[in-house]
């Protein structure tokens, strides 16, 4: 059970949970391969981490870009021990708003982005007969609430996909984990779009930490570390992490 020298590919790595996880794993000696759309943020993070980090600009909605990110890991390090599908977006609004473009974007990133990661990682991991695929889900994949039906739907889909992955690939040495956070202080709040909902969520994020209304990205990074740092006969299928005072 050691993180040292594991090769970990992380999408959505330029901020929030992805960046916190990259820092934590690299501090434990992992080799982190970082993908996100914002190159300036990736450059800053790689400079901060140092020799244990490399990056490639990656939009997870584009299969070829996800393929290229994983191939960078294989070309550089010879293998992939862990893929962490972390990229996501969270526009909010009622179904009656008919925001088809936002709905499609959520499907492209939250569902197809995960499938692109899985699809490109499986041939590599099956050849290795070893690997762990982790995906950020959400408490929103366990409960449904108003103005979030499509986002909820994408996260319920992730749960189904990852359980299917577990059943299909457990005989090939491939394990799977979903990490389902509650409210976390990240830039995901900036993707909400609906000003009223965004203002309400921002109040949670801005509340004093002692109130227990929101988590820090590092809290989720610790959950990812826990899932990775297990012997191969142990599969952590899901970690559900809520702020202590979150109601749903």
Protein backbone atom coordinates (compact mmCIF):
# COMPACT_ATOMS: atom_id res chain seq x y z
CA UNK A 1 0.00 0.00 0.00
CA UNK A 2 2.02 2.90 -1.31
CA UNK A 3 1.34 5.92 -3.47
CA UNK A 4 4.99 6.41 -4.34
CA UNK A 5 5.73 6.09 -8.08
CA UNK A 6 2.13 5.34 -9.02
CA UNK A 7 1.18 6.99 -12.32
CA UNK A 8 -2.07 8.90 -11.87
CA UNK A 9 -3.92 10.71 -14.66
CA UNK A 10 -6.27 13.44 -13.41
CA UNK A 11 -8.79 15.34 -15.51
CA UNK A 12 -10.30 18.62 -14.38
CA UNK A 13 -6.91 19.18 -12.77
CA UNK A 14 -6.50 22.93 -13.12
CA UNK A 15 -8.36 23.91 -9.93
CA UNK A 16 -10.46 22.69 -7.03
CA UNK A 17 -10.57 18.97 -6.29
CA UNK A 18 -8.35 18.02 -9.21
CA UNK A 19 -5.57 20.43 -8.27
CA UNK A 20 -5.78 19.53 -4.57
CA UNK A 21 -5.56 15.83 -5.43
CA UNK A 22 -2.59 16.41 -7.73
CA UNK A 23 -0.73 18.25 -4.99
CA UNK A 24 -1.48 15.60 -2.37
CA UNK A 25 -0.59 12.59 -4.50
CA UNK A 26 2.58 14.20 -5.82
CA UNK A 27 3.62 15.00 -2.26
CA UNK A 28 3.38 11.26 -1.57
CA UNK A 29 5.64 10.47 -4.52
CA UNK A 30 3.09 9.76 -7.26
CA UNK A 31 3.66 10.79 -10.87
CA UNK A 32 0.69 12.94 -11.83
CA UNK A 33 -0.40 13.55 -15.42
CA UNK A 34 -2.75 16.51 -15.47
CA UNK A 35 -5.45 17.40 -17.98
CA UNK A 36 -7.76 20.42 -18.13
CA UNK A 37 -8.76 23.13 -20.59
CA UNK A 38 -6.91 26.07 -18.98
CA UNK A 39 -3.25 25.81 -19.91
CA UNK A 40 -2.13 28.74 -17.77
CA UNK A 41 -3.50 27.06 -14.64
CA UNK A 42 -1.92 23.75 -15.59
CA UNK A 43 1.44 25.40 -16.15
CA UNK A 44 1.28 27.07 -12.74
CA UNK A 45 0.35 23.81 -11.01
CA UNK A 46 3.09 21.79 -12.69
CA UNK A 47 5.64 24.47 -11.79
CA UNK A 48 4.43 24.34 -8.17
CA UNK A 49 4.55 20.52 -7.95
CA UNK A 50 7.82 20.08 -9.81
CA UNK A 51 9.31 16.98 -11.37
CA UNK A 52 6.45 14.66 -10.42
CA UNK A 53 3.94 16.46 -12.68
CA UNK A 54 3.36 16.86 -16.40
CA UNK A 55 0.32 18.20 -18.22
CA UNK A 56 -1.57 18.33 -21.48
CA UNK A 57 -4.47 20.63 -22.36
CA UNK A 58 -7.54 18.38 -22.43
CA UNK A 59 -11.25 18.88 -23.03
CA UNK A 60 -12.84 15.66 -21.80
CA UNK A 61 -15.76 16.14 -24.20
CA UNK A 62 -13.28 15.40 -27.01
CA UNK A 63 -12.38 11.70 -27.20
CA UNK A 64 -9.15 12.31 -29.10
CA UNK A 65 -7.90 14.78 -26.50
CA UNK A 66 -8.58 12.27 -23.72
CA UNK A 67 -6.79 9.59 -25.75
CA UNK A 68 -3.79 11.88 -26.17
CA UNK A 69 -3.66 12.64 -22.43
CA UNK A 70 -3.55 8.98 -21.51
CA UNK A 71 -0.99 8.25 -24.22
CA UNK A 72 1.20 10.99 -22.76
CA UNK A 73 1.19 9.07 -19.48
CA UNK A 74 2.08 5.80 -21.18
CA UNK A 75 4.77 7.36 -23.35
CA UNK A 76 6.35 9.13 -20.38
CA UNK A 77 5.99 6.54 -17.64
CA UNK A 78 5.16 3.27 -19.40
CA UNK A 79 1.85 2.61 -17.66
CA UNK A 80 -1.23 4.10 -15.94
CA UNK A 81 -2.00 2.95 -12.43
CA UNK A 82 -4.93 5.27 -11.78
CA UNK A 83 -7.28 7.35 -13.90
CA UNK A 84 -9.20 9.98 -11.97
CA UNK A 85 -12.16 11.27 -14.02
CA UNK A 86 -12.74 14.52 -12.18
CA UNK A 87 -13.83 17.08 -14.78
CA UNK A 88 -17.41 18.27 -14.39
CA UNK A 89 -19.87 21.12 -14.83
CA UNK A 90 -23.03 22.04 -12.91
CA UNK A 91 -25.48 24.41 -14.66
CA UNK A 92 -28.70 24.70 -12.66
CA UNK A 93 -32.26 25.61 -13.63
CA UNK A 94 -35.76 24.25 -14.00
CA UNK A 95 -36.65 21.96 -16.88
CA UNK A 96 -39.15 24.58 -18.02
CA UNK A 97 -36.21 26.90 -18.77
CA UNK A 98 -35.50 24.65 -21.80
CA UNK A 99 -31.76 25.35 -21.76
CA UNK A 100 -30.87 22.69 -24.31
CA UNK A 101 -27.33 23.94 -24.82
CA UNK A 102 -26.52 23.69 -21.12
CA UNK A 103 -28.12 20.26 -20.91
CA UNK A 104 -26.03 19.03 -23.82
CA UNK A 105 -22.87 20.46 -22.28
CA UNK A 106 -23.55 18.60 -19.04
CA UNK A 107 -24.08 15.36 -20.92
CA UNK A 108 -20.90 15.93 -22.96
CA UNK A 109 -18.71 16.66 -19.93
CA UNK A 110 -20.26 14.77 -17.02
CA UNK A 111 -21.26 11.62 -18.89
CA UNK A 112 -19.35 11.41 -22.17
CA UNK A 113 -16.23 12.82 -20.50
CA UNK A 114 -16.30 9.93 -18.04
CA UNK A 115 -16.95 7.43 -20.82
CA UNK A 116 -14.08 8.82 -22.86
CA UNK A 117 -11.77 8.33 -19.89
CA UNK A 118 -12.98 4.80 -19.26
CA UNK A 119 -12.90 3.86 -22.93
CA UNK A 120 -9.36 5.09 -23.44
CA UNK A 121 -8.01 3.67 -20.17
CA UNK A 122 -9.40 0.15 -20.48
CA UNK A 123 -7.16 -1.16 -23.28
CA UNK A 124 -4.11 0.08 -21.35
CA UNK A 125 -5.22 -1.33 -18.00
CA UNK A 126 -6.41 -4.63 -19.45
CA UNK A 127 -2.99 -5.13 -21.02
CA UNK A 128 -1.44 -4.40 -17.62
CA UNK A 129 -4.07 -6.58 -15.89
CA UNK A 130 -4.11 -3.84 -13.30
CA UNK A 131 -5.59 -0.41 -12.77
CA UNK A 132 -7.97 1.75 -10.80
CA UNK A 133 -10.53 4.11 -12.35
CA UNK A 134 -11.95 6.76 -10.02
CA UNK A 135 -14.72 9.18 -10.94
CA UNK A 136 -16.06 12.20 -9.10
CA UNK A 137 -19.78 11.70 -8.70
CA UNK A 138 -21.80 13.78 -6.21
CA UNK A 139 -24.38 13.65 -3.46
CA UNK A 140 -26.51 14.87 -6.39
CA UNK A 141 -26.16 11.34 -7.78
CA UNK A 142 -27.99 10.02 -4.71
CA UNK A 143 -30.78 12.57 -4.20
CA UNK A 144 -32.88 14.69 -6.57
CA UNK A 145 -33.87 18.28 -5.86
CA UNK A 146 -35.54 21.13 -7.80
CA UNK A 147 -33.64 23.09 -10.45
CA UNK A 148 -31.07 20.31 -10.78
CA UNK A 149 -32.82 17.46 -12.60
CA UNK A 150 -30.39 17.26 -15.52
CA UNK A 151 -27.31 17.57 -13.32
CA UNK A 152 -28.78 14.93 -11.01
CA UNK A 153 -29.39 12.76 -14.06
CA UNK A 154 -25.79 12.97 -15.20
CA UNK A 155 -24.56 12.00 -11.75
CA UNK A 156 -27.00 9.09 -11.45
CA UNK A 157 -25.69 7.98 -14.84
CA UNK A 158 -22.12 8.06 -13.53
CA UNK A 159 -23.10 5.75 -10.68
CA UNK A 160 -24.63 3.27 -13.12
CA UNK A 161 -21.67 3.42 -15.50
CA UNK A 162 -19.13 2.91 -12.74
CA UNK A 163 -21.05 -0.04 -11.28
CA UNK A 164 -21.18 -1.57 -14.75
CA UNK A 165 -17.44 -1.02 -15.05
CA UNK A 166 -16.88 -2.80 -11.75
CA UNK A 167 -18.91 -5.81 -12.80
CA UNK A 168 -17.41 -6.07 -16.28
CA UNK A 169 -13.73 -5.58 -15.46
CA UNK A 170 -13.19 -7.02 -11.98
CA UNK A 171 -11.83 -10.21 -13.56
CA UNK A 172 -9.23 -8.19 -15.46
CA UNK A 173 -7.55 -6.70 -12.39
CA UNK A 174 -9.34 -3.38 -12.83
CA UNK A 175 -11.05 -1.75 -9.85
CA UNK A 176 -13.38 1.24 -9.79
CA UNK A 177 -14.34 3.89 -7.25
CA UNK A 178 -16.77 6.79 -7.20
CA UNK A 179 -16.18 9.69 -4.84
CA UNK A 180 -19.41 11.54 -4.10
CA UNK A 181 -18.86 14.93 -2.46
CA UNK A 182 -21.46 17.22 -0.99
CA UNK A 183 -20.92 20.97 -1.20
CA UNK A 184 -17.26 21.76 -1.86
CA UNK A 185 -15.61 25.17 -2.12
CA UNK A 186 -14.53 25.06 -5.76
CA UNK A 187 -15.00 27.01 -8.97
CA UNK A 188 -17.79 24.59 -9.94
CA UNK A 189 -20.17 27.13 -8.42
CA UNK A 190 -19.24 29.48 -11.28
CA UNK A 191 -20.83 27.08 -13.80
CA UNK A 192 -24.31 27.26 -12.20
CA UNK A 193 -25.49 30.01 -14.54
CA UNK A 194 -28.72 30.83 -12.68
CA UNK A 195 -27.88 33.97 -10.68
CA UNK A 196 -30.38 33.32 -7.88
CA UNK A 197 -29.25 29.75 -7.31
CA UNK A 198 -25.61 30.72 -7.62
CA UNK A 199 -26.00 33.42 -4.96
CA UNK A 200 -27.61 30.90 -2.60
CA UNK A 201 -24.90 28.30 -3.12
CA UNK A 202 -22.18 30.93 -2.77
CA UNK A 203 -23.50 31.72 0.71
CA UNK A 204 -22.79 28.13 1.70
CA UNK A 205 -19.31 28.30 0.23
CA UNK A 206 -18.52 31.56 2.00
CA UNK A 207 -19.74 30.39 5.42
CA UNK A 208 -17.20 29.93 8.18
CA UNK A 209 -15.65 26.46 8.04
CA UNK A 210 -16.71 25.77 11.63
CA UNK A 211 -20.36 25.87 10.53
CA UNK A 212 -19.85 22.64 8.60
CA UNK A 213 -21.75 23.75 5.51
CA UNK A 214 -19.06 23.16 2.88
CA UNK A 215 -15.98 21.02 2.36
CA UNK A 216 -12.55 22.03 1.14
CA UNK A 217 -11.05 20.45 -1.99
CA UNK A 218 -8.39 18.88 0.22
CA UNK A 219 -11.10 16.91 2.03
CA UNK A 220 -12.00 15.17 -1.21
CA UNK A 221 -8.34 14.70 -2.15
CA UNK A 222 -7.96 12.76 1.10
CA UNK A 223 -10.82 10.47 0.06
CA UNK A 224 -9.14 9.85 -3.30
CA UNK A 225 -5.87 9.08 -1.54
CA UNK A 226 -7.68 6.59 0.69
CA UNK A 227 -9.16 4.77 -2.32
CA UNK A 228 -5.80 4.56 -4.08
CA UNK A 229 -3.83 3.52 -1.00
CA UNK A 230 -5.42 0.08 -0.71
CA UNK A 231 -4.04 -3.38 -1.47
CA UNK A 232 -5.15 -4.90 -4.74
CA UNK A 233 -7.61 -7.29 -3.10
CA UNK A 234 -9.57 -4.33 -1.71
CA UNK A 235 -11.99 -2.32 -3.87
CA UNK A 236 -13.44 0.88 -2.42
CA UNK A 237 -16.57 1.07 -4.55
CA UNK A 238 -17.79 4.40 -3.20
CA UNK A 239 -16.84 7.16 -0.79
CA UNK A 240 -19.66 9.57 0.13
CA UNK A 241 -18.36 12.75 1.78
CA UNK A 242 -20.73 15.40 3.12
CA UNK A 243 -20.17 18.57 5.11
CA UNK A 244 -21.13 17.74 8.67
CA UNK A 245 -24.20 20.02 8.60
CA UNK A 246 -25.41 19.40 5.05
CA UNK A 247 -29.11 18.55 5.02
CA UNK A 248 -29.41 16.48 1.82
